[in-house]
Amino acid sequence: MTEFVLVAGAWLGSSAWDEVAQELRAAGHGVHPLTLSGLADKRGAPAGQQTHVQDIVGEVERHGLRDVVLVGHSYSGIPVGQAAERIGDRLARVVFVDSNVPADGESFVSAWPDGRAMVEGSIAEHDGFWAPLTAADYAGQGLTDEQIARIVAGSTPHPGATLTEPAVLERSLGELPATYIKCLLDGAEPAPDVAALLKSDRWRLVEMDTGHWPMFSQPRELARILLDATGPANPST
């Protein structure tokens, strides 16, 4: 039995995975949707980026999980990538869902130069938090009005320190068994740092014809890809 640890991106908590988790459990696997410190039902807890890394590592260790597939969406690819390195032989695979990936000494904002001023400006204006998106910001991402309403209702301000603190890695992510899911409505090609990692024979690329929040727009399809990720590694395609 595979144990899936699911971590949503900025602003979101564990409830973002409800439909995906249902599909994975129905297939007979263990599922652990995780809310990171400072978000959703953990709002108010102090959090930096390394807090989020420890949230993920702690979930694995607390439950004694093995054969773990760590899944990180969007921002959460950064702490998930670091946690994947730290859980050692408990890791079966790490899956990055249209996400950022960590680089040693680099932060979320340093990896996103075009949006850095916007993110840092929002953090400064909102007492150290990145303000959630509005409903209009989700246009063109393959979401229904109902799905957008669910995302907006489930969003809370995101702790700014998690976005500005640097990642800490001891080795290249290319050494880890990984799947990268690219959501095509959010851009046809992976970012350059992801493209470089996909040259590793331990990484594979999967494309989804949807937007940046597939756990809402295509949960069954996303669950199927996650289930497929537990199989033997193939070269990126």
Protein backbone atom coordinates (compact mmCIF):
# COMPACT_ATOMS: atom_id res chain seq x y z
CA MET A 1 0.00 0.00 0.00
CA THR A 2 1.31 3.42 -0.97
CA GLU A 3 1.00 6.30 1.47
CA PHE A 4 0.18 9.60 -0.25
CA VAL A 5 1.00 12.84 1.57
CA LEU A 6 -0.83 15.66 -0.24
CA VAL A 7 0.20 19.29 0.20
CA ALA A 8 -1.69 22.11 -1.54
CA GLY A 9 -0.17 25.37 -2.73
CA ALA A 10 -0.37 28.91 -1.41
CA TRP A 11 -3.44 29.93 0.61
CA LEU A 12 -4.96 26.43 0.72
CA GLY A 13 -5.31 23.69 3.33
CA SER A 14 -5.97 19.97 3.33
CA SER A 15 -9.58 20.29 2.14
CA ALA A 16 -8.31 21.18 -1.35
CA TRP A 17 -7.60 17.45 -1.78
CA ASP A 18 -11.00 16.07 -0.72
CA GLU A 19 -12.02 14.65 -4.10
CA VAL A 20 -8.54 13.39 -4.98
CA ALA A 21 -8.19 11.76 -1.56
CA GLN A 22 -11.50 9.95 -2.04
CA GLU A 23 -10.25 8.41 -5.29
CA LEU A 24 -6.92 7.34 -3.79
CA ARG A 25 -8.57 5.76 -0.75
CA ALA A 26 -11.01 3.91 -3.00
CA ALA A 27 -7.98 2.39 -4.73
CA GLY A 28 -6.81 1.02 -1.37
CA HIS A 29 -4.04 3.44 -0.47
CA GLY A 30 -3.26 5.50 2.60
CA VAL A 31 -3.94 9.22 2.14
CA HIS A 32 -2.72 12.08 4.33
CA PRO A 33 -3.87 15.52 3.15
CA LEU A 34 -1.83 18.06 5.10
CA THR A 35 -2.51 21.64 6.12
CA LEU A 36 0.73 23.56 6.55
CA SER A 37 1.34 25.81 9.55
CA GLY A 38 -0.24 29.25 9.32
CA LEU A 39 -2.94 28.24 6.82
CA ALA A 40 -6.62 27.20 6.92
CA ASP A 41 -7.36 25.40 10.19
CA LYS A 42 -3.77 26.12 11.34
CA ARG A 43 -4.12 29.83 10.74
CA GLY A 44 -2.27 31.88 13.34
CA ALA A 45 0.59 29.40 13.82
CA PRO A 46 3.95 31.05 13.10
CA ALA A 47 5.56 29.68 9.97
CA GLY A 48 8.66 30.04 7.85
CA GLN A 49 9.66 27.84 4.95
CA GLN A 50 11.56 25.40 7.14
CA THR A 51 8.46 25.15 9.37
CA HIS A 52 6.60 23.85 6.34
CA VAL A 53 9.36 21.39 5.52
CA GLN A 54 9.18 20.07 9.08
CA ASP A 55 5.36 19.89 8.89
CA ILE A 56 5.76 17.41 6.02
CA VAL A 57 8.62 15.42 7.52
CA GLY A 58 6.76 15.32 10.84
CA GLU A 59 3.63 13.90 9.19
CA VAL A 60 5.67 11.03 7.74
CA GLU A 61 7.51 10.33 10.98
CA ARG A 62 4.53 10.70 13.30
CA HIS A 63 2.53 8.06 11.42
CA GLY A 64 5.54 5.82 10.71
CA LEU A 65 4.83 5.99 6.98
CA ARG A 66 6.82 4.04 4.42
CA ASP A 67 6.46 3.73 0.62
CA VAL A 68 5.58 7.43 0.66
CA VAL A 69 4.56 9.48 -2.37
CA LEU A 70 4.94 13.15 -1.45
CA VAL A 71 2.74 15.42 -3.58
CA GLY A 72 3.34 19.17 -3.72
CA HIS A 73 1.17 21.63 -5.63
CA SER A 74 2.34 25.10 -6.71
CA TYR A 75 4.25 26.82 -3.85
CA SER A 76 4.33 23.58 -1.85
CA GLY A 77 6.69 21.96 -4.33
CA ILE A 78 9.42 23.92 -2.54
CA PRO A 79 8.95 22.44 0.95
CA VAL A 80 7.89 19.06 -0.47
CA GLY A 81 11.09 18.83 -2.52
CA GLN A 82 13.18 19.47 0.58
CA ALA A 83 11.14 17.03 2.67
CA ALA A 84 11.56 14.35 -0.02
CA GLU A 85 15.31 14.52 0.46
CA ARG A 86 15.01 14.34 4.25
CA ILE A 87 12.76 11.30 4.62
CA GLY A 88 15.37 9.03 3.02
CA ASP A 89 14.33 5.50 2.15
CA ARG A 90 10.74 6.15 3.22
CA LEU A 91 10.27 7.97 -0.11
CA ALA A 92 8.83 6.05 -3.06
CA ARG A 93 8.37 9.10 -5.29
CA VAL A 94 7.82 12.84 -5.19
CA VAL A 95 5.18 14.39 -7.45
CA PHE A 96 5.26 18.08 -8.30
CA VAL A 97 1.84 19.33 -9.45
CA ASP A 98 2.42 22.38 -11.68
CA SER A 99 4.71 23.53 -8.91
CA ASN A 100 7.80 25.46 -8.09
CA VAL A 101 10.81 23.33 -7.24
CA PRO A 102 13.42 24.18 -4.60
CA ALA A 103 16.99 25.23 -5.33
CA ASP A 104 19.54 25.43 -2.56
CA GLY A 105 19.82 28.99 -1.26
CA GLU A 106 16.89 30.23 -3.35
CA SER A 107 13.40 31.22 -2.19
CA PHE A 108 9.96 31.14 -3.79
CA VAL A 109 10.20 34.80 -4.77
CA SER A 110 13.75 34.54 -6.09
CA ALA A 111 12.62 31.73 -8.38
CA TRP A 112 9.76 33.89 -9.68
CA PRO A 113 11.44 37.12 -10.78
CA ASP A 114 8.50 38.50 -12.78
CA GLY A 115 6.19 38.26 -9.80
CA ARG A 116 8.62 39.08 -7.01
CA ALA A 117 7.65 42.73 -6.63
CA MET A 118 3.96 41.85 -6.61
CA VAL A 119 4.34 39.15 -3.96
CA GLU A 120 6.65 41.21 -1.75
CA GLY A 121 4.33 44.20 -2.11
CA SER A 122 1.35 42.14 -1.00
CA ILE A 123 3.30 40.82 2.00
CA ALA A 124 4.24 44.35 3.03
CA GLU A 125 0.68 45.61 2.67
CA HIS A 126 -0.95 42.73 4.57
CA ASP A 127 1.05 42.50 7.80
CA GLY A 128 3.45 39.84 6.59
CA PHE A 129 1.01 37.74 4.56
CA TRP A 130 0.43 37.16 0.84
CA ALA A 131 -3.22 38.03 0.22
CA PRO A 132 -5.34 35.33 -1.49
CA LEU A 133 -6.44 35.65 -5.08
CA THR A 134 -9.89 36.92 -5.98
CA ALA A 135 -12.42 34.98 -8.04
CA ALA A 136 -11.50 36.93 -11.17
CA ASP A 137 -7.89 35.71 -10.93
CA TYR A 138 -8.97 32.13 -11.63
CA ALA A 139 -10.40 32.87 -15.08
CA GLY A 140 -9.01 30.76 -17.93
CA GLN A 141 -7.91 27.92 -15.66
CA GLY A 142 -10.56 25.36 -16.59
CA LEU A 143 -12.61 25.92 -13.45
CA THR A 144 -16.37 26.21 -13.08
CA ASP A 145 -17.89 29.05 -11.08
CA GLU A 146 -18.65 26.56 -8.31
CA GLN A 147 -15.07 25.32 -8.23
CA ILE A 148 -13.74 28.88 -8.11
CA ALA A 149 -16.09 29.66 -5.24
CA ARG A 150 -14.77 26.63 -3.34
CA ILE A 151 -11.16 27.71 -3.79
CA VAL A 152 -11.86 31.29 -2.73
CA ALA A 153 -13.88 30.18 0.31
CA GLY A 154 -11.08 27.82 1.38
CA SER A 155 -8.24 30.31 0.99
CA THR A 156 -6.50 32.14 3.83
CA PRO A 157 -3.61 34.63 3.77
CA HIS A 158 -0.27 32.89 3.21
CA PRO A 159 2.62 33.46 5.67
CA GLY A 160 5.13 35.70 3.91
CA ALA A 161 8.25 34.22 5.52
CA THR A 162 7.62 30.90 3.78
CA LEU A 163 7.97 32.70 0.45
CA THR A 164 11.14 34.67 1.20
CA GLU A 165 13.26 32.19 3.18
CA PRO A 166 15.78 30.14 1.16
CA ALA A 167 15.53 26.43 0.52
CA VAL A 168 18.14 24.04 1.93
CA LEU A 169 19.15 21.04 -0.20
CA GLU A 170 22.13 18.73 0.17
CA ARG A 171 21.97 17.22 -3.33
CA SER A 172 20.35 17.71 -6.71
CA LEU A 173 16.62 17.05 -6.98
CA GLY A 174 17.46 15.19 -10.16
CA GLU A 175 18.65 12.29 -8.00
CA LEU A 176 15.16 11.75 -6.55
CA PRO A 177 12.47 9.64 -8.27
CA ALA A 178 10.02 12.31 -9.42
CA THR A 179 7.03 13.05 -11.60
CA TYR A 180 6.31 16.58 -12.78
CA ILE A 181 2.72 17.34 -13.78
CA LYS A 182 2.46 20.29 -16.18
CA CYS A 183 -0.98 21.90 -16.42
CA LEU A 184 -1.15 23.25 -19.94
CA LEU A 185 -3.66 26.08 -19.41
CA ASP A 186 -1.10 27.64 -17.09
CA GLY A 187 1.66 27.53 -19.71
CA ALA A 188 2.61 25.00 -22.35
CA GLU A 189 6.18 24.40 -21.20
CA PRO A 190 7.80 23.69 -17.83
CA ALA A 191 9.93 26.45 -16.34
CA PRO A 192 13.64 26.28 -17.26
CA ASP A 193 14.70 24.86 -13.88
CA VAL A 194 12.10 22.09 -14.21
CA ALA A 195 13.12 21.40 -17.82
CA ALA A 196 16.70 20.90 -16.66
CA LEU A 197 15.60 18.43 -13.97
CA LEU A 198 13.49 16.51 -16.50
CA LYS A 199 16.72 15.53 -18.25
CA SER A 200 17.34 13.14 -15.36
CA ASP A 201 16.36 9.54 -16.09
CA ARG A 202 14.70 9.49 -12.65
CA TRP A 203 12.17 12.18 -13.64
CA ARG A 204 9.12 11.87 -15.84
CA LEU A 205 6.80 14.52 -17.29
CA VAL A 206 3.01 14.19 -17.42
CA GLU A 207 0.78 16.81 -19.02
CA MET A 208 -2.79 17.70 -18.02
CA ASP A 209 -5.11 19.68 -20.28
CA THR A 210 -6.38 21.88 -17.48
CA GLY A 211 -5.33 24.83 -15.36
CA HIS A 212 -3.18 25.36 -12.30
CA TRP A 213 -5.63 23.84 -9.76
CA PRO A 214 -6.29 20.32 -11.11
CA MET A 215 -7.39 18.98 -7.70
CA PHE A 216 -10.50 21.11 -8.28
CA SER A 217 -10.86 21.10 -12.07
CA GLN A 218 -9.92 17.46 -12.81
CA PRO A 219 -9.65 15.54 -9.49
CA ARG A 220 -10.30 12.08 -10.92
CA GLU A 221 -7.73 12.56 -13.68
CA LEU A 222 -5.19 13.87 -11.18
CA ALA A 223 -5.81 10.90 -8.88
CA ARG A 224 -5.23 8.52 -11.80
CA ILE A 225 -1.89 10.18 -12.55
CA LEU A 226 -0.89 9.93 -8.89
CA LEU A 227 -1.78 6.23 -8.90
CA ASP A 228 0.26 5.74 -12.08
CA ALA A 229 3.19 7.48 -10.39
CA THR A 230 3.57 4.53 -8.04
CA GLY A 231 4.70 2.35 -10.96
CA PRO A 232 8.27 1.89 -12.22
CA ALA A 233 10.08 4.97 -13.47
CA ASN A 234 10.29 5.66 -17.19
CA PRO A 235 12.22 8.32 -19.09
CA SER A 236 10.46 11.70 -19.33
CA THR A 237 8.08 11.94 -22.26
